[in-house]
């Protein structure tokens, strides 16, 4: 999985392939992988992959979404460590607010439960 970085689960600071394995064993990986070929250093966070049945998927995050902020913190000031920290400091029932720009250009605020079991049944 070179060329991609994943968020939300500690140890995701490897330069190009980092996966979200939470330091809290009770929490599954958040389930997001970001495109590494976009300019993350300029705060451009584009979702490449959303794991099936993950918190990210249940929270309606989708491949191609550009994440603009996480819990009100703009991604242009964020690196992988900070992004993981924002996700990892949550408890299972906590919400994480993602401000995203969809592929079609619309903006959405998504309230995502840290643990997929807390997501509303769709």
PDB file of N, CA and C in Angstrom:
ATOM      1  N   UNK A   1       0.832  -1.198   0.000  1.00  0.00           N
ATOM      2  CA  UNK A   1       0.000   0.000   0.000  1.00  0.00           C
ATOM      3  C   UNK A   1       0.868   1.250   0.000  1.00  0.00           C
ATOM      4  N   UNK A   2       1.974   1.211  -0.777  1.00  0.00           N
ATOM      5  CA  UNK A   2       2.782   2.424  -0.814  1.00  0.00           C
ATOM      6  C   UNK A   2       2.024   3.474  -1.607  1.00  0.00           C
ATOM      7  N   UNK A   3       2.314   4.730  -1.289  1.00  0.00           N
ATOM      8  CA  UNK A   3       1.610   5.800  -1.964  1.00  0.00           C
ATOM      9  C   UNK A   3       0.328   6.199  -1.271  1.00  0.00           C
ATOM     10  N   UNK A   4       0.046   5.607  -0.113  1.00  0.00           N
ATOM     11  CA  UNK A   4      -1.156   5.988   0.620  1.00  0.00           C
ATOM     12  C   UNK A   4      -0.832   6.143   2.091  1.00  0.00           C
ATOM     13  N   UNK A   5      -1.634   6.950   2.766  1.00  0.00           N
ATOM     14  CA  UNK A   5      -1.466   7.121   4.201  1.00  0.00           C
ATOM     15  C   UNK A   5      -2.824   6.948   4.848  1.00  0.00           C
ATOM     16  N   UNK A   6      -2.856   6.305   5.965  1.00  0.00           N
ATOM     17  CA  UNK A   6      -4.133   6.110   6.630  1.00  0.00           C
ATOM     18  C   UNK A   6      -4.159   6.891   7.928  1.00  0.00           C
ATOM     19  N   UNK A   7      -5.364   7.236   8.343  1.00  0.00           N
ATOM     20  CA  UNK A   7      -5.492   8.093   9.519  1.00  0.00           C
ATOM     21  C   UNK A   7      -6.276   7.419  10.619  1.00  0.00           C
ATOM     22  N   UNK A   8      -6.016   7.857  11.837  1.00  0.00           N
ATOM     23  CA  UNK A   8      -6.840   7.455  12.971  1.00  0.00           C
ATOM     24  C   UNK A   8      -6.417   6.136  13.516  1.00  0.00           C
ATOM     25  N   UNK A   9      -5.339   6.085  14.202  1.00  0.00           N
ATOM     26  CA  UNK A   9      -4.959   4.867  14.846  1.00  0.00           C
ATOM     27  C   UNK A   9      -3.481   4.811  15.056  1.00  0.00           C
ATOM     28  N   UNK A  10      -2.923   5.800  15.649  1.00  0.00           N
ATOM     29  CA  UNK A  10      -1.528   5.766  16.041  1.00  0.00           C
ATOM     30  C   UNK A  10      -0.628   5.302  14.922  1.00  0.00           C
ATOM     31  N   UNK A  11       0.630   5.327  15.122  1.00  0.00           N
ATOM     32  CA  UNK A  11       1.632   4.770  14.211  1.00  0.00           C
ATOM     33  C   UNK A  11       1.320   5.050  12.756  1.00  0.00           C
ATOM     34  N   UNK A  12       0.659   6.164  12.485  1.00  0.00           N
ATOM     35  CA  UNK A  12       0.328   6.433  11.093  1.00  0.00           C
ATOM     36  C   UNK A  12       1.180   7.550  10.549  1.00  0.00           C
ATOM     37  N   UNK A  13       2.364   7.694  11.078  1.00  0.00           N
ATOM     38  CA  UNK A  13       3.192   8.806  10.637  1.00  0.00           C
ATOM     39  C   UNK A  13       4.269   8.363   9.656  1.00  0.00           C
ATOM     40  N   UNK A  14       4.248   7.113   9.258  1.00  0.00           N
ATOM     41  CA  UNK A  14       5.223   6.649   8.270  1.00  0.00           C
ATOM     42  C   UNK A  14       5.050   7.505   7.027  1.00  0.00           C
ATOM     43  N   UNK A  15       6.138   7.728   6.314  1.00  0.00           N
ATOM     44  CA  UNK A  15       6.067   8.732   5.264  1.00  0.00           C
ATOM     45  C   UNK A  15       5.029   8.404   4.212  1.00  0.00           C
ATOM     46  N   UNK A  16       4.919   7.157   3.798  1.00  0.00           N
ATOM     47  CA  UNK A  16       3.959   6.937   2.717  1.00  0.00           C
ATOM     48  C   UNK A  16       2.957   5.828   2.884  1.00  0.00           C
ATOM     49  N   UNK A  17       3.057   4.995   3.858  1.00  0.00           N
ATOM     50  CA  UNK A  17       1.997   4.008   3.996  1.00  0.00           C
ATOM     51  C   UNK A  17       1.743   3.855   5.465  1.00  0.00           C
ATOM     52  N   UNK A  18       0.678   4.454   5.919  1.00  0.00           N
ATOM     53  CA  UNK A  18       0.408   4.396   7.341  1.00  0.00           C
ATOM     54  C   UNK A  18      -1.031   3.993   7.514  1.00  0.00           C
ATOM     55  N   UNK A  19      -1.257   3.098   8.432  1.00  0.00           N
ATOM     56  CA  UNK A  19      -2.603   2.586   8.597  1.00  0.00           C
ATOM     57  C   UNK A  19      -3.092   2.872   9.994  1.00  0.00           C
ATOM     58  N   UNK A  20      -4.415   2.983  10.091  1.00  0.00           N
ATOM     59  CA  UNK A  20      -5.016   3.431  11.323  1.00  0.00           C
ATOM     60  C   UNK A  20      -5.231   2.263  12.269  1.00  0.00           C
ATOM     61  N   UNK A  21      -4.242   1.977  13.088  1.00  0.00           N
ATOM     62  CA  UNK A  21      -4.385   0.950  14.116  1.00  0.00           C
ATOM     63  C   UNK A  21      -4.415   1.665  15.450  1.00  0.00           C
ATOM     64  N   UNK A  22      -5.582   1.678  16.078  1.00  0.00           N
ATOM     65  CA  UNK A  22      -5.732   2.492  17.271  1.00  0.00           C
ATOM     66  C   UNK A  22      -4.877   1.983  18.418  1.00  0.00           C
ATOM     67  N   UNK A  23      -4.291   2.915  19.213  1.00  0.00           N
ATOM     68  CA  UNK A  23      -3.541   2.498  20.395  1.00  0.00           C
ATOM     69  C   UNK A  23      -4.472   1.933  21.463  1.00  0.00           C
ATOM     70  N   UNK A  24      -5.765   2.255  21.367  1.00  0.00           N
ATOM     71  CA  UNK A  24      -6.738   1.717  22.312  1.00  0.00           C
ATOM     72  C   UNK A  24      -7.260   0.406  21.728  1.00  0.00           C
ATOM     73  N   UNK A  25      -6.948  -0.719  22.370  1.00  0.00           N
ATOM     74  CA  UNK A  25      -7.321  -2.018  21.790  1.00  0.00           C
ATOM     75  C   UNK A  25      -8.834  -2.216  21.670  1.00  0.00           C
ATOM     76  N   UNK A  26      -9.601  -1.414  22.401  1.00  0.00           N
ATOM     77  CA  UNK A  26     -11.055  -1.566  22.319  1.00  0.00           C
ATOM     78  C   UNK A  26     -11.623  -0.878  21.079  1.00  0.00           C
ATOM     79  N   UNK A  27     -10.810  -0.058  20.444  1.00  0.00           N
ATOM     80  CA  UNK A  27     -11.297   0.672  19.286  1.00  0.00           C
ATOM     81  C   UNK A  27     -10.707   0.109  18.006  1.00  0.00           C
ATOM     82  N   UNK A  28     -11.556  -0.222  17.051  1.00  0.00           N
ATOM     83  CA  UNK A  28     -11.036  -0.696  15.768  1.00  0.00           C
ATOM     84  C   UNK A  28     -10.422   0.472  15.002  1.00  0.00           C
ATOM     85  N   UNK A  29      -9.638   0.185  13.966  1.00  0.00           N
ATOM     86  CA  UNK A  29      -9.118   1.257  13.126  1.00  0.00           C
ATOM     87  C   UNK A  29     -10.262   2.128  12.611  1.00  0.00           C
ATOM     88  N   UNK A  30      -9.993   3.410  12.451  1.00  0.00           N
ATOM     89  CA  UNK A  30     -11.032   4.336  12.000  1.00  0.00           C
ATOM     90  C   UNK A  30     -11.434   4.058  10.556  1.00  0.00           C
ATOM     91  N   UNK A  31     -10.467   3.633   9.738  1.00  0.00           N
ATOM     92  CA  UNK A  31     -10.824   3.154   8.402  1.00  0.00           C
ATOM     93  C   UNK A  31     -10.624   4.112   7.246  1.00  0.00           C
ATOM     94  N   UNK A  32      -9.727   5.094   7.402  1.00  0.00           N
ATOM     95  CA  UNK A  32      -9.485   6.039   6.313  1.00  0.00           C
ATOM     96  C   UNK A  32      -8.066   5.905   5.789  1.00  0.00           C
ATOM     97  N   UNK A  33      -7.919   5.963   4.483  1.00  0.00           N
ATOM     98  CA  UNK A  33      -6.599   6.058   3.865  1.00  0.00           C
ATOM     99  C   UNK A  33      -6.624   7.265   2.935  1.00  0.00           C
ATOM    100  N   UNK A  34      -5.576   8.068   3.008  1.00  0.00           N
ATOM    101  CA  UNK A  34      -5.502   9.286   2.199  1.00  0.00           C
ATOM    102  C   UNK A  34      -4.573   9.114   1.008  1.00  0.00           C
ATOM    103  N   UNK A  35      -4.878   9.836  -0.043  1.00  0.00           N
ATOM    104  CA  UNK A  35      -4.002   9.837  -1.218  1.00  0.00           C
ATOM    105  C   UNK A  35      -2.697  10.522  -0.842  1.00  0.00           C
ATOM    106  N   UNK A  36      -1.591   9.882  -1.177  1.00  0.00           N
ATOM    107  CA  UNK A  36      -0.298  10.460  -0.846  1.00  0.00           C
ATOM    108  C   UNK A  36       0.258  11.293  -1.988  1.00  0.00           C
ATOM    109  N   UNK A  37      -0.360  11.194  -3.152  1.00  0.00           N
ATOM    110  CA  UNK A  37       0.191  11.924  -4.288  1.00  0.00           C
ATOM    111  C   UNK A  37      -0.332  13.352  -4.349  1.00  0.00           C
ATOM    112  N   UNK A  38      -1.232  13.709  -3.422  1.00  0.00           N
ATOM    113  CA  UNK A  38      -1.659  15.106  -3.354  1.00  0.00           C
ATOM    114  C   UNK A  38      -0.800  15.786  -2.298  1.00  0.00           C
ATOM    115  N   UNK A  39      -0.844  17.099  -2.251  1.00  0.00           N
ATOM    116  CA  UNK A  39       0.101  17.824  -1.419  1.00  0.00           C
ATOM    117  C   UNK A  39      -0.374  17.933   0.022  1.00  0.00           C
ATOM    118  N   UNK A  40      -0.144  16.873   0.781  1.00  0.00           N
ATOM    119  CA  UNK A  40      -0.548  16.872   2.184  1.00  0.00           C
ATOM    120  C   UNK A  40       0.175  17.987   2.940  1.00  0.00           C
ATOM    121  N   UNK A  41       1.404  18.299   2.519  1.00  0.00           N
ATOM    122  CA  UNK A  41       2.137  19.360   3.211  1.00  0.00           C
ATOM    123  C   UNK A  41       1.431  20.709   3.076  1.00  0.00           C
ATOM    124  N   UNK A  42       0.614  20.852   2.050  1.00  0.00           N
ATOM    125  CA  UNK A  42      -0.157  22.091   1.890  1.00  0.00           C
ATOM    126  C   UNK A  42      -1.558  21.931   2.460  1.00  0.00           C
ATOM    127  N   UNK A  43      -1.777  20.882   3.223  1.00  0.00           N
ATOM    128  CA  UNK A  43      -3.070  20.683   3.861  1.00  0.00           C
ATOM    129  C   UNK A  43      -4.122  20.110   2.945  1.00  0.00           C
ATOM    130  N   UNK A  44      -3.690  19.447   1.886  1.00  0.00           N
ATOM    131  CA  UNK A  44      -4.660  18.842   0.971  1.00  0.00           C
ATOM    132  C   UNK A  44      -4.820  17.368   1.352  1.00  0.00           C
ATOM    133  N   UNK A  45      -5.942  17.054   1.982  1.00  0.00           N
ATOM    134  CA  UNK A  45      -6.203  15.693   2.455  1.00  0.00           C
ATOM    135  C   UNK A  45      -7.364  15.123   1.652  1.00  0.00           C
ATOM    136  N   UNK A  46      -7.055  14.243   0.703  1.00  0.00           N
ATOM    137  CA  UNK A  46      -8.097  13.646  -0.137  1.00  0.00           C
ATOM    138  C   UNK A  46      -8.193  12.164   0.214  1.00  0.00           C
ATOM    139  N   UNK A  47      -9.406  11.717   0.519  1.00  0.00           N
ATOM    140  CA  UNK A  47      -9.603  10.325   0.922  1.00  0.00           C
ATOM    141  C   UNK A  47      -9.446   9.410  -0.292  1.00  0.00           C
ATOM    142  N   UNK A  48      -8.600   8.412  -0.140  1.00  0.00           N
ATOM    143  CA  UNK A  48      -8.368   7.446  -1.206  1.00  0.00           C
ATOM    144  C   UNK A  48      -9.238   6.218  -1.006  1.00  0.00           C
ATOM    145  N   UNK A  49      -9.338   5.757   0.251  1.00  0.00           N
ATOM    146  CA  UNK A  49     -10.010   4.495   0.528  1.00  0.00           C
ATOM    147  C   UNK A  49     -10.745   4.600   1.860  1.00  0.00           C
ATOM    148  N   UNK A  50     -11.938   4.019   1.913  1.00  0.00           N
ATOM    149  CA  UNK A  50     -12.716   3.945   3.147  1.00  0.00           C
ATOM    150  C   UNK A  50     -12.996   2.466   3.397  1.00  0.00           C
ATOM    151  N   UNK A  51     -12.527   1.956   4.525  1.00  0.00           N
ATOM    152  CA  UNK A  51     -12.696   0.526   4.800  1.00  0.00           C
ATOM    153  C   UNK A  51     -14.155   0.165   5.026  1.00  0.00           C
ATOM    154  N   UNK A  52     -14.607  -0.971   4.480  1.00  0.00           N
ATOM    155  CA  UNK A  52     -15.988  -1.413   4.684  1.00  0.00           C
ATOM    156  C   UNK A  52     -16.286  -1.611   6.170  1.00  0.00           C
ATOM    157  N   UNK A  53     -17.472  -1.207   6.582  1.00  0.00           N
ATOM    158  CA  UNK A  53     -17.961  -1.380   7.961  1.00  0.00           C
ATOM    159  C   UNK A  53     -17.147  -0.621   9.001  1.00  0.00           C
ATOM    160  N   UNK A  54     -16.282   0.292   8.567  1.00  0.00           N
ATOM    161  CA  UNK A  54     -15.493   1.079   9.515  1.00  0.00           C
ATOM    162  C   UNK A  54     -16.312   2.268  10.012  1.00  0.00           C
ATOM    163  N   UNK A  55     -15.790   2.911  11.056  1.00  0.00           N
ATOM    164  CA  UNK A  55     -16.426   4.140  11.553  1.00  0.00           C
ATOM    165  C   UNK A  55     -16.499   5.178  10.435  1.00  0.00           C
ATOM    166  N   UNK A  56     -15.434   5.270   9.650  1.00  0.00           N
ATOM    167  CA  UNK A  56     -15.404   6.253   8.558  1.00  0.00           C
ATOM    168  C   UNK A  56     -16.519   5.992   7.551  1.00  0.00           C
ATOM    169  N   UNK A  57     -16.714   4.721   7.186  1.00  0.00           N
ATOM    170  CA  UNK A  57     -17.766   4.404   6.217  1.00  0.00           C
ATOM    171  C   UNK A  57     -19.147   4.694   6.805  1.00  0.00           C
ATOM    172  N   UNK A  58     -19.356   4.279   8.047  1.00  0.00           N
ATOM    173  CA  UNK A  58     -20.667   4.493   8.663  1.00  0.00           C
ATOM    174  C   UNK A  58     -20.950   5.980   8.851  1.00  0.00           C
ATOM    175  N   UNK A  59     -19.870   6.775   8.925  1.00  0.00           N
ATOM    176  CA  UNK A  59     -20.028   8.218   9.052  1.00  0.00           C
ATOM    177  C   UNK A  59     -20.186   8.919   7.718  1.00  0.00           C
ATOM    178  N   UNK A  60     -20.314   8.135   6.643  1.00  0.00           N
ATOM    179  CA  UNK A  60     -20.575   8.647   5.298  1.00  0.00           C
ATOM    180  C   UNK A  60     -19.380   9.364   4.658  1.00  0.00           C
ATOM    181  N   UNK A  61     -18.165   9.114   5.156  1.00  0.00           N
ATOM    182  CA  UNK A  61     -16.979   9.610   4.460  1.00  0.00           C
ATOM    183  C   UNK A  61     -16.787   8.755   3.216  1.00  0.00           C
ATOM    184  N   UNK A  62     -16.352   9.368   2.110  1.00  0.00           N
ATOM    185  CA  UNK A  62     -16.262   8.649   0.839  1.00  0.00           C
ATOM    186  C   UNK A  62     -14.938   8.923   0.141  1.00  0.00           C
ATOM    187  N   UNK A  63     -14.488   7.948  -0.660  1.00  0.00           N
ATOM    188  CA  UNK A  63     -13.298   8.201  -1.480  1.00  0.00           C
ATOM    189  C   UNK A  63     -13.519   9.445  -2.343  1.00  0.00           C
ATOM    190  N   UNK A  64     -12.469  10.257  -2.448  1.00  0.00           N
ATOM    191  CA  UNK A  64     -12.569  11.482  -3.234  1.00  0.00           C
ATOM    192  C   UNK A  64     -12.916  12.705  -2.412  1.00  0.00           C
ATOM    193  N   UNK A  65     -13.463  12.497  -1.194  1.00  0.00           N
ATOM    194  CA  UNK A  65     -13.747  13.639  -0.327  1.00  0.00           C
ATOM    195  C   UNK A  65     -12.443  14.338   0.026  1.00  0.00           C
ATOM    196  N   UNK A  66     -12.471  15.667  -0.002  1.00  0.00           N
ATOM    197  CA  UNK A  66     -11.338  16.439   0.501  1.00  0.00           C
ATOM    198  C   UNK A  66     -11.692  16.898   1.907  1.00  0.00           C
ATOM    199  N   UNK A  67     -10.907  16.461   2.886  1.00  0.00           N
ATOM    200  CA  UNK A  67     -11.162  16.828   4.278  1.00  0.00           C
ATOM    201  C   UNK A  67     -10.588  18.219   4.515  1.00  0.00           C
ATOM    202  N   UNK A  68     -11.463  19.153   4.919  1.00  0.00           N
ATOM    203  CA  UNK A  68     -11.059  20.544   5.128  1.00  0.00           C
ATOM    204  C   UNK A  68     -10.740  20.821   6.592  1.00  0.00           C
ATOM    205  N   UNK A  69     -11.480  20.162   7.492  1.00  0.00           N
ATOM    206  CA  UNK A  69     -11.166  20.307   8.914  1.00  0.00           C
ATOM    207  C   UNK A  69     -11.668  19.091   9.682  1.00  0.00           C
ATOM    208  N   UNK A  70     -11.040  18.885  10.835  1.00  0.00           N
ATOM    209  CA  UNK A  70     -11.410  17.803  11.745  1.00  0.00           C
ATOM    210  C   UNK A  70     -11.613  18.450  13.111  1.00  0.00           C
ATOM    211  N   UNK A  71     -12.851  18.325  13.635  1.00  0.00           N
ATOM    212  CA  UNK A  71     -13.184  18.975  14.915  1.00  0.00           C
ATOM    213  C   UNK A  71     -12.807  20.454  14.928  1.00  0.00           C
ATOM    214  N   UNK A  72     -13.027  21.111  13.805  1.00  0.00           N
ATOM    215  CA  UNK A  72     -12.801  22.547  13.750  1.00  0.00           C
ATOM    216  C   UNK A  72     -11.357  22.950  13.477  1.00  0.00           C
ATOM    217  N   UNK A  73     -10.435  21.985  13.449  1.00  0.00           N
ATOM    218  CA  UNK A  73      -9.040  22.311  13.165  1.00  0.00           C
ATOM    219  C   UNK A  73      -8.785  22.120  11.677  1.00  0.00           C
ATOM    220  N   UNK A  74      -8.397  23.196  11.007  1.00  0.00           N
ATOM    221  CA  UNK A  74      -8.165  23.136   9.565  1.00  0.00           C
ATOM    222  C   UNK A  74      -7.041  22.180   9.221  1.00  0.00           C
ATOM    223  N   UNK A  75      -7.255  21.355   8.198  1.00  0.00           N
ATOM    224  CA  UNK A  75      -6.241  20.368   7.825  1.00  0.00           C
ATOM    225  C   UNK A  75      -4.993  21.017   7.250  1.00  0.00           C
ATOM    226  N   UNK A  76      -5.066  22.301   6.848  1.00  0.00           N
ATOM    227  CA  UNK A  76      -3.858  22.901   6.290  1.00  0.00           C
ATOM    228  C   UNK A  76      -2.791  23.075   7.366  1.00  0.00           C
ATOM    229  N   UNK A  77      -3.194  22.974   8.636  1.00  0.00           N
ATOM    230  CA  UNK A  77      -2.223  23.095   9.730  1.00  0.00           C
ATOM    231  C   UNK A  77      -1.948  21.745  10.379  1.00  0.00           C
ATOM    232  N   UNK A  78      -2.316  20.679   9.702  1.00  0.00           N
ATOM    233  CA  UNK A  78      -2.309  19.364  10.321  1.00  0.00           C
ATOM    234  C   UNK A  78      -1.383  18.420   9.581  1.00  0.00           C
ATOM    235  N   UNK A  79      -0.627  17.627  10.325  1.00  0.00           N
ATOM    236  CA  UNK A  79       0.110  16.539   9.687  1.00  0.00           C
ATOM    237  C   UNK A  79      -0.539  15.225  10.118  1.00  0.00           C
ATOM    238  N   UNK A  80       0.013  14.125   9.655  1.00  0.00           N
ATOM    239  CA  UNK A  80      -0.576  12.814   9.945  1.00  0.00           C
ATOM    240  C   UNK A  80      -0.673  12.568  11.451  1.00  0.00           C
ATOM    241  N   UNK A  81       0.365  12.971  12.191  1.00  0.00           N
ATOM    242  CA  UNK A  81       0.356  12.771  13.648  1.00  0.00           C
ATOM    243  C   UNK A  81      -0.810  13.508  14.294  1.00  0.00           C
ATOM    244  N   UNK A  82      -1.014  14.765  13.905  1.00  0.00           N
ATOM    245  CA  UNK A  82      -2.104  15.550  14.485  1.00  0.00           C
ATOM    246  C   UNK A  82      -3.460  14.983  14.098  1.00  0.00           C
ATOM    247  N   UNK A  83      -3.567  14.536  12.859  1.00  0.00           N
ATOM    248  CA  UNK A  83      -4.828  13.961  12.409  1.00  0.00           C
ATOM    249  C   UNK A  83      -5.148  12.697  13.210  1.00  0.00           C
ATOM    250  N   UNK A  84      -4.138  11.852  13.391  1.00  0.00           N
ATOM    251  CA  UNK A  84      -4.335  10.645  14.185  1.00  0.00           C
ATOM    252  C   UNK A  84      -4.697  10.984  15.624  1.00  0.00           C
ATOM    253  N   UNK A  85      -4.027  11.991  16.160  1.00  0.00           N
ATOM    254  CA  UNK A  85      -4.292  12.382  17.539  1.00  0.00           C
ATOM    255  C   UNK A  85      -5.738  12.839  17.710  1.00  0.00           C
ATOM    256  N   UNK A  86      -6.232  13.608  16.738  1.00  0.00           N
ATOM    257  CA  UNK A  86      -7.609  14.108  16.799  1.00  0.00           C
ATOM    258  C   UNK A  86      -8.601  12.943  16.836  1.00  0.00           C
ATOM    259  N   UNK A  87      -8.269  11.863  16.129  1.00  0.00           N
ATOM    260  CA  UNK A  87      -9.151  10.693  16.077  1.00  0.00           C
ATOM    261  C   UNK A  87      -8.932   9.795  17.297  1.00  0.00           C
ATOM    262  N   UNK A  88      -7.664   9.618  17.673  1.00  0.00           N
ATOM    263  CA  UNK A  88      -7.344   8.650  18.725  1.00  0.00           C
ATOM    264  C   UNK A  88      -7.688   9.102  20.127  1.00  0.00           C
ATOM    265  N   UNK A  89      -7.821  10.410  20.338  1.00  0.00           N
ATOM    266  CA  UNK A  89      -8.128  10.836  21.704  1.00  0.00           C
ATOM    267  C   UNK A  89      -9.607  10.655  22.038  1.00  0.00           C
ATOM    268  N   UNK A  90     -10.373  10.180  21.052  1.00  0.00           N
ATOM    269  CA  UNK A  90     -11.808   9.992  21.261  1.00  0.00           C
ATOM    270  C   UNK A  90     -12.110   8.667  21.952  1.00  0.00           C
ATOM    271  N   UNK A  91     -13.204   8.690  22.714  1.00  0.00           N
ATOM    272  CA  UNK A  91     -13.747   7.434  23.250  1.00  0.00           C
ATOM    273  C   UNK A  91     -14.704   6.861  22.198  1.00  0.00           C
ATOM    274  N   UNK A  92     -15.078   5.607  22.387  1.00  0.00           N
ATOM    275  CA  UNK A  92     -15.885   4.894  21.380  1.00  0.00           C
ATOM    276  C   UNK A  92     -17.147   5.652  20.976  1.00  0.00           C
ATOM    277  N   UNK A  93     -17.836   6.247  21.950  1.00  0.00           N
ATOM    278  CA  UNK A  93     -19.127   6.883  21.650  1.00  0.00           C
ATOM    279  C   UNK A  93     -18.973   8.339  21.213  1.00  0.00           C
ATOM    280  N   UNK A  94     -17.748   8.869  21.258  1.00  0.00           N
ATOM    281  CA  UNK A  94     -17.518  10.265  20.879  1.00  0.00           C
ATOM    282  C   UNK A  94     -17.730  10.495  19.384  1.00  0.00           C
ATOM    283  N   UNK A  95     -18.067  11.737  19.061  1.00  0.00           N
ATOM    284  CA  UNK A  95     -18.230  12.148  17.675  1.00  0.00           C
ATOM    285  C   UNK A  95     -16.999  12.921  17.221  1.00  0.00           C
ATOM    286  N   UNK A  96     -16.682  12.785  15.955  1.00  0.00           N
ATOM    287  CA  UNK A  96     -15.628  13.569  15.319  1.00  0.00           C
ATOM    288  C   UNK A  96     -16.317  14.304  14.170  1.00  0.00           C
ATOM    289  N   UNK A  97     -16.104  15.608  14.075  1.00  0.00           N
ATOM    290  CA  UNK A  97     -16.759  16.383  13.032  1.00  0.00           C
ATOM    291  C   UNK A  97     -15.794  16.602  11.871  1.00  0.00           C
ATOM    292  N   UNK A  98     -16.174  16.114  10.710  1.00  0.00           N
ATOM    293  CA  UNK A  98     -15.388  16.293   9.495  1.00  0.00           C
ATOM    294  C   UNK A  98     -16.099  17.286   8.581  1.00  0.00           C
ATOM    295  N   UNK A  99     -15.381  18.330   8.175  1.00  0.00           N
ATOM    296  CA  UNK A  99     -15.891  19.250   7.161  1.00  0.00           C
ATOM    297  C   UNK A  99     -15.241  18.799   5.860  1.00  0.00           C
ATOM    298  N   UNK A 100     -16.048  18.361   4.901  1.00  0.00           N
ATOM    299  CA  UNK A 100     -15.497  17.816   3.657  1.00  0.00           C
ATOM    300  C   UNK A 100     -16.067  18.528   2.441  1.00  0.00           C
ATOM    301  N   UNK A 101     -15.266  18.533   1.373  1.00  0.00           N
ATOM    302  CA  UNK A 101     -15.769  18.953   0.069  1.00  0.00           C
ATOM    303  C   UNK A 101     -15.900  17.691  -0.765  1.00  0.00           C
ATOM    304  N   UNK A 102     -17.125  17.411  -1.202  1.00  0.00           N
ATOM    305  CA  UNK A 102     -17.383  16.223  -2.005  1.00  0.00           C
ATOM    306  C   UNK A 102     -16.806  16.396  -3.404  1.00  0.00           C
ATOM    307  N   UNK A 103     -16.743  15.279  -4.127  1.00  0.00           N
ATOM    308  CA  UNK A 103     -16.226  15.304  -5.498  1.00  0.00           C
ATOM    309  C   UNK A 103     -17.026  16.283  -6.353  1.00  0.00           C
ATOM    310  N   UNK A 104     -18.331  16.402  -6.094  1.00  0.00           N
ATOM    311  CA  UNK A 104     -19.167  17.307  -6.907  1.00  0.00           C
ATOM    312  C   UNK A 104     -19.058  18.764  -6.468  1.00  0.00           C
ATOM    313  N   UNK A 105     -18.195  19.040  -5.476  1.00  0.00           N
ATOM    314  CA  UNK A 105     -17.968  20.418  -5.054  1.00  0.00           C
ATOM    315  C   UNK A 105     -18.802  20.868  -3.867  1.00  0.00           C
ATOM    316  N   UNK A 106     -19.813  20.074  -3.486  1.00  0.00           N
ATOM    317  CA  UNK A 106     -20.626  20.470  -2.340  1.00  0.00           C
ATOM    318  C   UNK A 106     -19.836  20.266  -1.048  1.00  0.00           C
ATOM    319  N   UNK A 107     -20.171  21.058  -0.027  1.00  0.00           N
ATOM    320  CA  UNK A 107     -19.529  20.910   1.274  1.00  0.00           C
ATOM    321  C   UNK A 107     -20.500  20.288   2.254  1.00  0.00           C
ATOM    322  N   UNK A 108     -19.968  19.413   3.097  1.00  0.00           N
ATOM    323  CA  UNK A 108     -20.812  18.777   4.108  1.00  0.00           C
ATOM    324  C   UNK A 108     -20.077  18.706   5.423  1.00  0.00           C
ATOM    325  N   UNK A 109     -20.841  18.863   6.501  1.00  0.00           N
ATOM    326  CA  UNK A 109     -20.320  18.594   7.833  1.00  0.00           C
ATOM    327  C   UNK A 109     -20.805  17.215   8.232  1.00  0.00           C
ATOM    328  N   UNK A 110     -19.884  16.314   8.516  1.00  0.00           N
ATOM    329  CA  UNK A 110     -20.248  14.945   8.882  1.00  0.00           C
ATOM    330  C   UNK A 110     -19.876  14.702  10.336  1.00  0.00           C
ATOM    331  N   UNK A 111     -20.835  14.218  11.091  1.00  0.00           N
ATOM    332  CA  UNK A 111     -20.605  13.879  12.500  1.00  0.00           C
ATOM    333  C   UNK A 111     -20.409  12.368  12.553  1.00  0.00           C
ATOM    334  N   UNK A 112     -19.188  11.957  12.853  1.00  0.00           N
ATOM    335  CA  UNK A 112     -18.816  10.545  12.750  1.00  0.00           C
ATOM    336  C   UNK A 112     -18.504   9.986  14.131  1.00  0.00           C
ATOM    337  N   UNK A 113     -19.176   8.890  14.508  1.00  0.00           N
ATOM    338  CA  UNK A 113     -18.857   8.231  15.776  1.00  0.00           C
ATOM    339  C   UNK A 113     -17.498   7.547  15.665  1.00  0.00           C
ATOM    340  N   UNK A 114     -16.717   7.593  16.735  1.00  0.00           N
ATOM    341  CA  UNK A 114     -15.387   6.977  16.698  1.00  0.00           C
ATOM    342  C   UNK A 114     -15.476   5.473  16.508  1.00  0.00           C
ATOM    343  N   UNK A 115     -16.479   4.849  17.096  1.00  0.00           N
ATOM    344  CA  UNK A 115     -16.641   3.395  16.968  1.00  0.00           C
ATOM    345  C   UNK A 115     -17.861   3.120  16.100  1.00  0.00           C
ATOM    346  N   UNK A 116     -17.716   2.262  15.086  1.00  0.00           N
ATOM    347  CA  UNK A 116     -18.836   2.046  14.157  1.00  0.00           C
ATOM    348  C   UNK A 116     -20.093   1.508  14.824  1.00  0.00           C
ATOM    349  N   UNK A 117     -19.959   0.849  15.970  1.00  0.00           N
ATOM    350  CA  UNK A 117     -21.131   0.288  16.642  1.00  0.00           C
ATOM    351  C   UNK A 117     -22.096   1.391  17.107  1.00  0.00           C
ATOM    352  N   UNK A 118     -21.592   2.614  17.254  1.00  0.00           N
ATOM    353  CA  UNK A 118     -22.455   3.714  17.730  1.00  0.00           C
ATOM    354  C   UNK A 118     -23.144   4.451  16.580  1.00  0.00           C
ATOM    355  N   UNK A 119     -22.771   4.113  15.359  1.00  0.00           N
ATOM    356  CA  UNK A 119     -23.368   4.808  14.218  1.00  0.00           C
ATOM    357  C   UNK A 119     -24.866   4.485  14.150  1.00  0.00           C
ATOM    358  N   UNK A 120     -25.675   5.477  13.761  1.00  0.00           N
ATOM    359  CA  UNK A 120     -27.113   5.181  13.614  1.00  0.00           C
ATOM    360  C   UNK A 120     -27.303   4.137  12.517  1.00  0.00           C
ATOM    361  N   UNK A 121     -28.267   3.282  12.713  1.00  0.00           N
ATOM    362  CA  UNK A 121     -28.529   2.261  11.688  1.00  0.00           C
ATOM    363  C   UNK A 121     -29.136   2.955  10.481  1.00  0.00           C
ATOM    364  N   UNK A 122     -28.546   2.700   9.313  1.00  0.00           N
ATOM    365  CA  UNK A 122     -29.063   3.425   8.146  1.00  0.00           C
ATOM    366  C   UNK A 122     -30.100   2.603   7.416  1.00  0.00           C
TER     367      UNK A 122
END
